[in-house]
Amino acid sequence: KPFPCSECGKCFAQKSHLVKHHRSHTGD
């Protein structure tokens, strides 16, 4: 899981999953 979240540190196997997760922090 090479893609970590800069907000909470959670890691993801795919960059697209990280992008989706990041919206939970930004409300986008």
PDB file of all heavy atoms in Angstrom:
ATOM      1  N   LYS A   1       0.854  -1.192   0.000  1.00  0.00           N
ATOM      2  CA  LYS A   1       0.000   0.000   0.000  1.00  0.00           C
ATOM      3  C   LYS A   1       0.890   1.244   0.000  1.00  0.00           C
ATOM      4  O   LYS A   1       1.169   1.829   1.056  1.00  0.00           O
ATOM      5  CB  LYS A   1      -0.928  -0.009   1.210  1.00  0.00           C
ATOM      6  CG  LYS A   1      -1.937  -1.156   1.191  1.00  0.00           C
ATOM      7  CD  LYS A   1      -2.860  -1.135   2.395  1.00  0.00           C
ATOM      8  CE  LYS A   1      -3.900  -2.269   2.325  1.00  0.00           C
ATOM      9  NZ  LYS A   1      -4.815  -2.246   3.492  1.00  0.00           N
ATOM     10  N   PRO A   2       1.330   1.623  -1.204  1.00  0.00           N
ATOM     11  CA  PRO A   2       2.343   2.687  -1.286  1.00  0.00           C
ATOM     12  C   PRO A   2       1.801   4.115  -1.279  1.00  0.00           C
ATOM     13  O   PRO A   2       2.571   5.060  -1.442  1.00  0.00           O
ATOM     14  CB  PRO A   2       3.021   2.394  -2.633  1.00  0.00           C
ATOM     15  CG  PRO A   2       1.946   1.778  -3.461  1.00  0.00           C
ATOM     16  CD  PRO A   2       1.052   1.021  -2.515  1.00  0.00           C
ATOM     17  N   PHE A   3       0.462   4.284  -1.103  1.00  0.00           N
ATOM     18  CA  PHE A   3      -0.115   5.632  -1.168  1.00  0.00           C
ATOM     19  C   PHE A   3      -0.705   6.023   0.187  1.00  0.00           C
ATOM     20  O   PHE A   3      -1.854   5.675   0.508  1.00  0.00           O
ATOM     21  CB  PHE A   3      -1.184   5.693  -2.267  1.00  0.00           C
ATOM     22  CG  PHE A   3      -0.662   5.364  -3.639  1.00  0.00           C
ATOM     23  CD1 PHE A   3      -0.912   4.122  -4.220  1.00  0.00           C
ATOM     24  CD2 PHE A   3       0.115   6.280  -4.333  1.00  0.00           C
ATOM     25  CE1 PHE A   3      -0.417   3.818  -5.472  1.00  0.00           C
ATOM     26  CE2 PHE A   3       0.606   5.981  -5.596  1.00  0.00           C
ATOM     27  CZ  PHE A   3       0.352   4.740  -6.166  1.00  0.00           C
ATOM     28  N   PRO A   4       0.055   6.765   1.024  1.00  0.00           N
ATOM     29  CA  PRO A   4      -0.430   7.159   2.350  1.00  0.00           C
ATOM     30  C   PRO A   4      -1.218   8.472   2.302  1.00  0.00           C
ATOM     31  O   PRO A   4      -0.945   9.361   1.490  1.00  0.00           O
ATOM     32  CB  PRO A   4       0.853   7.342   3.154  1.00  0.00           C
ATOM     33  CG  PRO A   4       1.860   7.779   2.128  1.00  0.00           C
ATOM     34  CD  PRO A   4       1.468   7.106   0.836  1.00  0.00           C
ATOM     35  N   CYS A   5      -2.202   8.613   3.198  1.00  0.00           N
ATOM     36  CA  CYS A   5      -2.972   9.842   3.335  1.00  0.00           C
ATOM     37  C   CYS A   5      -2.175  10.838   4.175  1.00  0.00           C
ATOM     38  O   CYS A   5      -1.739  10.513   5.292  1.00  0.00           O
ATOM     39  CB  CYS A   5      -4.319   9.557   3.987  1.00  0.00           C
ATOM     40  SG  CYS A   5      -5.270  11.056   4.352  1.00  0.00           S
ATOM     41  N   SER A   6      -2.011  12.042   3.678  1.00  0.00           N
ATOM     42  CA  SER A   6      -1.230  13.059   4.392  1.00  0.00           C
ATOM     43  C   SER A   6      -1.967  13.573   5.630  1.00  0.00           C
ATOM     44  O   SER A   6      -1.355  14.169   6.523  1.00  0.00           O
ATOM     45  CB  SER A   6      -0.910  14.226   3.459  1.00  0.00           C
ATOM     46  OG  SER A   6      -2.102  14.800   2.941  1.00  0.00           O
ATOM     47  N   GLU A   7      -3.289  13.326   5.694  1.00  0.00           N
ATOM     48  CA  GLU A   7      -4.071  13.800   6.836  1.00  0.00           C
ATOM     49  C   GLU A   7      -4.042  12.824   8.013  1.00  0.00           C
ATOM     50  O   GLU A   7      -3.781  13.211   9.148  1.00  0.00           O
ATOM     51  CB  GLU A   7      -5.529  14.031   6.404  1.00  0.00           C
ATOM     52  CG  GLU A   7      -5.726  15.186   5.430  1.00  0.00           C
ATOM     53  CD  GLU A   7      -5.556  16.539   6.105  1.00  0.00           C
ATOM     54  OE1 GLU A   7      -5.845  16.643   7.315  1.00  0.00           O
ATOM     55  OE2 GLU A   7      -5.130  17.487   5.414  1.00  0.00           O
ATOM     56  N   CYS A   8      -4.308  11.534   7.728  1.00  0.00           N
ATOM     57  CA  CYS A   8      -4.441  10.564   8.829  1.00  0.00           C
ATOM     58  C   CYS A   8      -3.447   9.412   8.764  1.00  0.00           C
ATOM     59  O   CYS A   8      -3.389   8.590   9.684  1.00  0.00           O
ATOM     60  CB  CYS A   8      -5.862  10.003   8.864  1.00  0.00           C
ATOM     61  SG  CYS A   8      -6.294   9.027   7.383  1.00  0.00           S
ATOM     62  N   GLY A   9      -2.660   9.309   7.678  1.00  0.00           N
ATOM     63  CA  GLY A   9      -1.649   8.264   7.591  1.00  0.00           C
ATOM     64  C   GLY A   9      -2.136   6.935   7.054  1.00  0.00           C
ATOM     65  O   GLY A   9      -1.328   6.022   6.847  1.00  0.00           O
ATOM     66  N   LYS A  10      -3.440   6.789   6.817  1.00  0.00           N
ATOM     67  CA  LYS A  10      -3.961   5.541   6.268  1.00  0.00           C
ATOM     68  C   LYS A  10      -3.383   5.312   4.871  1.00  0.00           C
ATOM     69  O   LYS A  10      -3.231   6.256   4.089  1.00  0.00           O
ATOM     70  CB  LYS A  10      -5.486   5.594   6.207  1.00  0.00           C
ATOM     71  CG  LYS A  10      -6.136   4.257   5.840  1.00  0.00           C
ATOM     72  CD  LYS A  10      -7.655   4.329   5.949  1.00  0.00           C
ATOM     73  CE  LYS A  10      -8.289   2.976   5.603  1.00  0.00           C
ATOM     74  NZ  LYS A  10      -9.780   3.016   5.714  1.00  0.00           N
ATOM     75  N   CYS A  11      -3.047   4.051   4.564  1.00  0.00           N
ATOM     76  CA  CYS A  11      -2.385   3.735   3.293  1.00  0.00           C
ATOM     77  C   CYS A  11      -3.315   2.970   2.355  1.00  0.00           C
ATOM     78  O   CYS A  11      -4.175   2.203   2.799  1.00  0.00           O
ATOM     79  CB  CYS A  11      -1.120   2.918   3.542  1.00  0.00           C
ATOM     80  SG  CYS A  11       0.147   3.857   4.425  1.00  0.00           S
ATOM     81  N   PHE A  12      -3.061   3.144   1.043  1.00  0.00           N
ATOM     82  CA  PHE A  12      -3.909   2.539   0.020  1.00  0.00           C
ATOM     83  C   PHE A  12      -3.060   1.887  -1.063  1.00  0.00           C
ATOM     84  O   PHE A  12      -1.940   2.327  -1.344  1.00  0.00           O
ATOM     85  CB  PHE A  12      -4.833   3.597  -0.584  1.00  0.00           C
ATOM     86  CG  PHE A  12      -5.780   4.197   0.420  1.00  0.00           C
ATOM     87  CD1 PHE A  12      -5.384   5.290   1.181  1.00  0.00           C
ATOM     88  CD2 PHE A  12      -7.029   3.642   0.642  1.00  0.00           C
ATOM     89  CE1 PHE A  12      -6.236   5.835   2.127  1.00  0.00           C
ATOM     90  CE2 PHE A  12      -7.891   4.184   1.591  1.00  0.00           C
ATOM     91  CZ  PHE A  12      -7.489   5.286   2.341  1.00  0.00           C
ATOM     92  N   ALA A  13      -3.626   0.822  -1.673  1.00  0.00           N
ATOM     93  CA  ALA A  13      -2.907   0.090  -2.719  1.00  0.00           C
ATOM     94  C   ALA A  13      -2.916   0.851  -4.038  1.00  0.00           C
ATOM     95  O   ALA A  13      -2.001   0.712  -4.850  1.00  0.00           O
ATOM     96  CB  ALA A  13      -3.521  -1.301  -2.908  1.00  0.00           C
ATOM     97  N   GLN A  14      -3.944   1.677  -4.262  1.00  0.00           N
ATOM     98  CA  GLN A  14      -4.069   2.405  -5.521  1.00  0.00           C
ATOM     99  C   GLN A  14      -4.240   3.900  -5.253  1.00  0.00           C
ATOM    100  O   GLN A  14      -4.889   4.302  -4.275  1.00  0.00           O
ATOM    101  CB  GLN A  14      -5.268   1.891  -6.324  1.00  0.00           C
ATOM    102  CG  GLN A  14      -5.164   0.427  -6.715  1.00  0.00           C
ATOM    103  CD  GLN A  14      -6.372  -0.046  -7.482  1.00  0.00           C
ATOM    104  OE1 GLN A  14      -7.000   0.727  -8.217  1.00  0.00           O
ATOM    105  NE2 GLN A  14      -6.719  -1.313  -7.334  1.00  0.00           N
ATOM    106  N   LYS A  15      -3.683   4.711  -6.129  1.00  0.00           N
ATOM    107  CA  LYS A  15      -3.758   6.163  -5.969  1.00  0.00           C
ATOM    108  C   LYS A  15      -5.205   6.645  -6.042  1.00  0.00           C
ATOM    109  O   LYS A  15      -5.606   7.578  -5.331  1.00  0.00           O
ATOM    110  CB  LYS A  15      -2.924   6.842  -7.056  1.00  0.00           C
ATOM    111  CG  LYS A  15      -2.735   8.330  -6.817  1.00  0.00           C
ATOM    112  CD  LYS A  15      -1.799   8.942  -7.843  1.00  0.00           C
ATOM    113  CE  LYS A  15      -1.594  10.435  -7.572  1.00  0.00           C
ATOM    114  NZ  LYS A  15      -0.668  11.059  -8.557  1.00  0.00           N
ATOM    115  N   SER A  16      -6.009   5.987  -6.915  1.00  0.00           N
ATOM    116  CA  SER A  16      -7.413   6.393  -7.059  1.00  0.00           C
ATOM    117  C   SER A  16      -8.181   6.201  -5.746  1.00  0.00           C
ATOM    118  O   SER A  16      -9.061   6.999  -5.411  1.00  0.00           O
ATOM    119  CB  SER A  16      -8.084   5.600  -8.185  1.00  0.00           C
ATOM    120  OG  SER A  16      -8.019   4.198  -7.919  1.00  0.00           O
ATOM    121  N   HIS A  17      -7.831   5.151  -4.976  1.00  0.00           N
ATOM    122  CA  HIS A  17      -8.476   4.911  -3.684  1.00  0.00           C
ATOM    123  C   HIS A  17      -8.098   6.000  -2.681  1.00  0.00           C
ATOM    124  O   HIS A  17      -8.933   6.428  -1.861  1.00  0.00           O
ATOM    125  CB  HIS A  17      -8.076   3.541  -3.138  1.00  0.00           C
ATOM    126  CG  HIS A  17      -8.611   2.397  -3.952  1.00  0.00           C
ATOM    127  ND1 HIS A  17      -8.219   1.075  -3.749  1.00  0.00           N
ATOM    128  CD2 HIS A  17      -9.490   2.360  -4.981  1.00  0.00           C
ATOM    129  CE1 HIS A  17      -8.841   0.304  -4.620  1.00  0.00           C
ATOM    130  NE2 HIS A  17      -9.614   1.066  -5.378  1.00  0.00           N
ATOM    131  N   LEU A  18      -6.828   6.442  -2.741  1.00  0.00           N
ATOM    132  CA  LEU A  18      -6.387   7.527  -1.868  1.00  0.00           C
ATOM    133  C   LEU A  18      -7.148   8.817  -2.186  1.00  0.00           C
ATOM    134  O   LEU A  18      -7.576   9.533  -1.262  1.00  0.00           O
ATOM    135  CB  LEU A  18      -4.879   7.756  -2.042  1.00  0.00           C
ATOM    136  CG  LEU A  18      -4.309   9.013  -1.375  1.00  0.00           C
ATOM    137  CD1 LEU A  18      -4.530   8.967   0.137  1.00  0.00           C
ATOM    138  CD2 LEU A  18      -2.827   9.173  -1.699  1.00  0.00           C
ATOM    139  N   VAL A  19      -7.331   9.109  -3.477  1.00  0.00           N
ATOM    140  CA  VAL A  19      -8.044  10.321  -3.889  1.00  0.00           C
ATOM    141  C   VAL A  19      -9.474  10.305  -3.339  1.00  0.00           C
ATOM    142  O   VAL A  19      -9.967  11.311  -2.800  1.00  0.00           O
ATOM    143  CB  VAL A  19      -8.052  10.451  -5.434  1.00  0.00           C
ATOM    144  CG1 VAL A  19      -8.987  11.574  -5.873  1.00  0.00           C
ATOM    145  CG2 VAL A  19      -6.642  10.702  -5.960  1.00  0.00           C
ATOM    146  N   LYS A  20     -10.151   9.152  -3.454  1.00  0.00           N
ATOM    147  CA  LYS A  20     -11.524   9.032  -2.942  1.00  0.00           C
ATOM    148  C   LYS A  20     -11.556   9.216  -1.426  1.00  0.00           C
ATOM    149  O   LYS A  20     -12.405   9.922  -0.883  1.00  0.00           O
ATOM    150  CB  LYS A  20     -12.099   7.665  -3.309  1.00  0.00           C
ATOM    151  CG  LYS A  20     -12.376   7.497  -4.799  1.00  0.00           C
ATOM    152  CD  LYS A  20     -12.814   6.069  -5.109  1.00  0.00           C
ATOM    153  CE  LYS A  20     -12.944   5.849  -6.611  1.00  0.00           C
ATOM    154  NZ  LYS A  20     -13.248   4.432  -6.928  1.00  0.00           N
ATOM    155  N   HIS A  21     -10.595   8.572  -0.739  1.00  0.00           N
ATOM    156  CA  HIS A  21     -10.539   8.679   0.720  1.00  0.00           C
ATOM    157  C   HIS A  21     -10.310  10.117   1.165  1.00  0.00           C
ATOM    158  O   HIS A  21     -10.904  10.580   2.156  1.00  0.00           O
ATOM    159  CB  HIS A  21      -9.414   7.788   1.261  1.00  0.00           C
ATOM    160  CG  HIS A  21      -8.989   8.137   2.658  1.00  0.00           C
ATOM    161  ND1 HIS A  21      -9.705   7.743   3.769  1.00  0.00           N
ATOM    162  CD2 HIS A  21      -7.929   8.875   3.105  1.00  0.00           C
ATOM    163  CE1 HIS A  21      -9.108   8.218   4.862  1.00  0.00           C
ATOM    164  NE2 HIS A  21      -8.024   8.893   4.476  1.00  0.00           N
ATOM    165  N   HIS A  22      -9.467  10.839   0.435  1.00  0.00           N
ATOM    166  CA  HIS A  22      -9.084  12.201   0.834  1.00  0.00           C
ATOM    167  C   HIS A  22     -10.301  13.125   0.880  1.00  0.00           C
ATOM    168  O   HIS A  22     -10.315  14.119   1.622  1.00  0.00           O
ATOM    169  CB  HIS A  22      -8.039  12.743  -0.150  1.00  0.00           C
ATOM    170  CG  HIS A  22      -7.225  13.863   0.429  1.00  0.00           C
ATOM    171  ND1 HIS A  22      -6.336  13.696   1.472  1.00  0.00           N
ATOM    172  CD2 HIS A  22      -7.178  15.192   0.108  1.00  0.00           C
ATOM    173  CE1 HIS A  22      -5.771  14.851   1.766  1.00  0.00           C
ATOM    174  NE2 HIS A  22      -6.265  15.781   0.958  1.00  0.00           N
ATOM    175  N   ARG A  23     -11.349  12.787   0.124  1.00  0.00           N
ATOM    176  CA  ARG A  23     -12.559  13.607   0.133  1.00  0.00           C
ATOM    177  C   ARG A  23     -13.279  13.563   1.483  1.00  0.00           C
ATOM    178  O   ARG A  23     -14.052  14.454   1.817  1.00  0.00           O
ATOM    179  CB  ARG A  23     -13.508  13.159  -0.983  1.00  0.00           C
ATOM    180  CG  ARG A  23     -12.979  13.441  -2.378  1.00  0.00           C
ATOM    181  CD  ARG A  23     -13.906  12.923  -3.451  1.00  0.00           C
ATOM    182  NE  ARG A  23     -13.231  12.938  -4.744  1.00  0.00           N
ATOM    183  CZ  ARG A  23     -13.334  11.988  -5.656  1.00  0.00           C
ATOM    184  NH1 ARG A  23     -14.113  10.934  -5.437  1.00  0.00           N
ATOM    185  NH2 ARG A  23     -12.682  12.090  -6.804  1.00  0.00           N
ATOM    186  N   SER A  24     -13.018  12.482   2.257  1.00  0.00           N
ATOM    187  CA  SER A  24     -13.638  12.395   3.583  1.00  0.00           C
ATOM    188  C   SER A  24     -13.063  13.454   4.520  1.00  0.00           C
ATOM    189  O   SER A  24     -13.680  13.822   5.509  1.00  0.00           O
ATOM    190  CB  SER A  24     -13.437  10.994   4.180  1.00  0.00           C
ATOM    191  OG  SER A  24     -12.045  10.755   4.437  1.00  0.00           O
ATOM    192  N   HIS A  25     -11.858  13.946   4.210  1.00  0.00           N
ATOM    193  CA  HIS A  25     -11.246  15.013   5.003  1.00  0.00           C
ATOM    194  C   HIS A  25     -11.631  16.395   4.466  1.00  0.00           C
ATOM    195  O   HIS A  25     -11.852  17.330   5.241  1.00  0.00           O
ATOM    196  CB  HIS A  25      -9.713  14.897   4.978  1.00  0.00           C
ATOM    197  CG  HIS A  25      -9.189  13.637   5.606  1.00  0.00           C
ATOM    198  ND1 HIS A  25      -9.357  13.320   6.940  1.00  0.00           N
ATOM    199  CD2 HIS A  25      -8.500  12.605   5.058  1.00  0.00           C
ATOM    200  CE1 HIS A  25      -8.784  12.161   7.199  1.00  0.00           C
ATOM    201  NE2 HIS A  25      -8.258  11.692   6.067  1.00  0.00           N
ATOM    202  N   THR A  26     -11.716  16.532   3.151  1.00  0.00           N
ATOM    203  CA  THR A  26     -11.971  17.835   2.555  1.00  0.00           C
ATOM    204  C   THR A  26     -13.438  18.142   2.360  1.00  0.00           C
ATOM    205  O   THR A  26     -13.831  19.319   2.233  1.00  0.00           O
ATOM    206  CB  THR A  26     -11.286  17.938   1.159  1.00  0.00           C
ATOM    207  OG1 THR A  26     -11.879  16.955   0.297  1.00  0.00           O
ATOM    208  CG2 THR A  26      -9.796  17.676   1.274  1.00  0.00           C
ATOM    209  N   GLY A  27     -14.287  17.084   2.389  1.00  0.00           N
ATOM    210  CA  GLY A  27     -15.715  17.303   2.132  1.00  0.00           C
ATOM    211  C   GLY A  27     -16.030  17.558   0.668  1.00  0.00           C
ATOM    212  O   GLY A  27     -17.158  17.937   0.330  1.00  0.00           O
ATOM    213  N   ASP A  28     -15.063  17.367  -0.178  1.00  0.00           N
ATOM    214  CA  ASP A  28     -15.233  17.614  -1.609  1.00  0.00           C
ATOM    215  C   ASP A  28     -16.256  16.662  -2.199  1.00  0.00           C
ATOM    216  O   ASP A  28     -16.212  15.452  -1.964  1.00  0.00           O
ATOM    217  CB  ASP A  28     -13.867  17.448  -2.284  1.00  0.00           C
ATOM    218  CG  ASP A  28     -13.892  17.800  -3.762  1.00  0.00           C
ATOM    219  OD1 ASP A  28     -14.747  18.593  -4.169  1.00  0.00           O
ATOM    220  OD2 ASP A  28     -13.036  17.274  -4.497  1.00  0.00           O
TER     221      ASP A  28
END
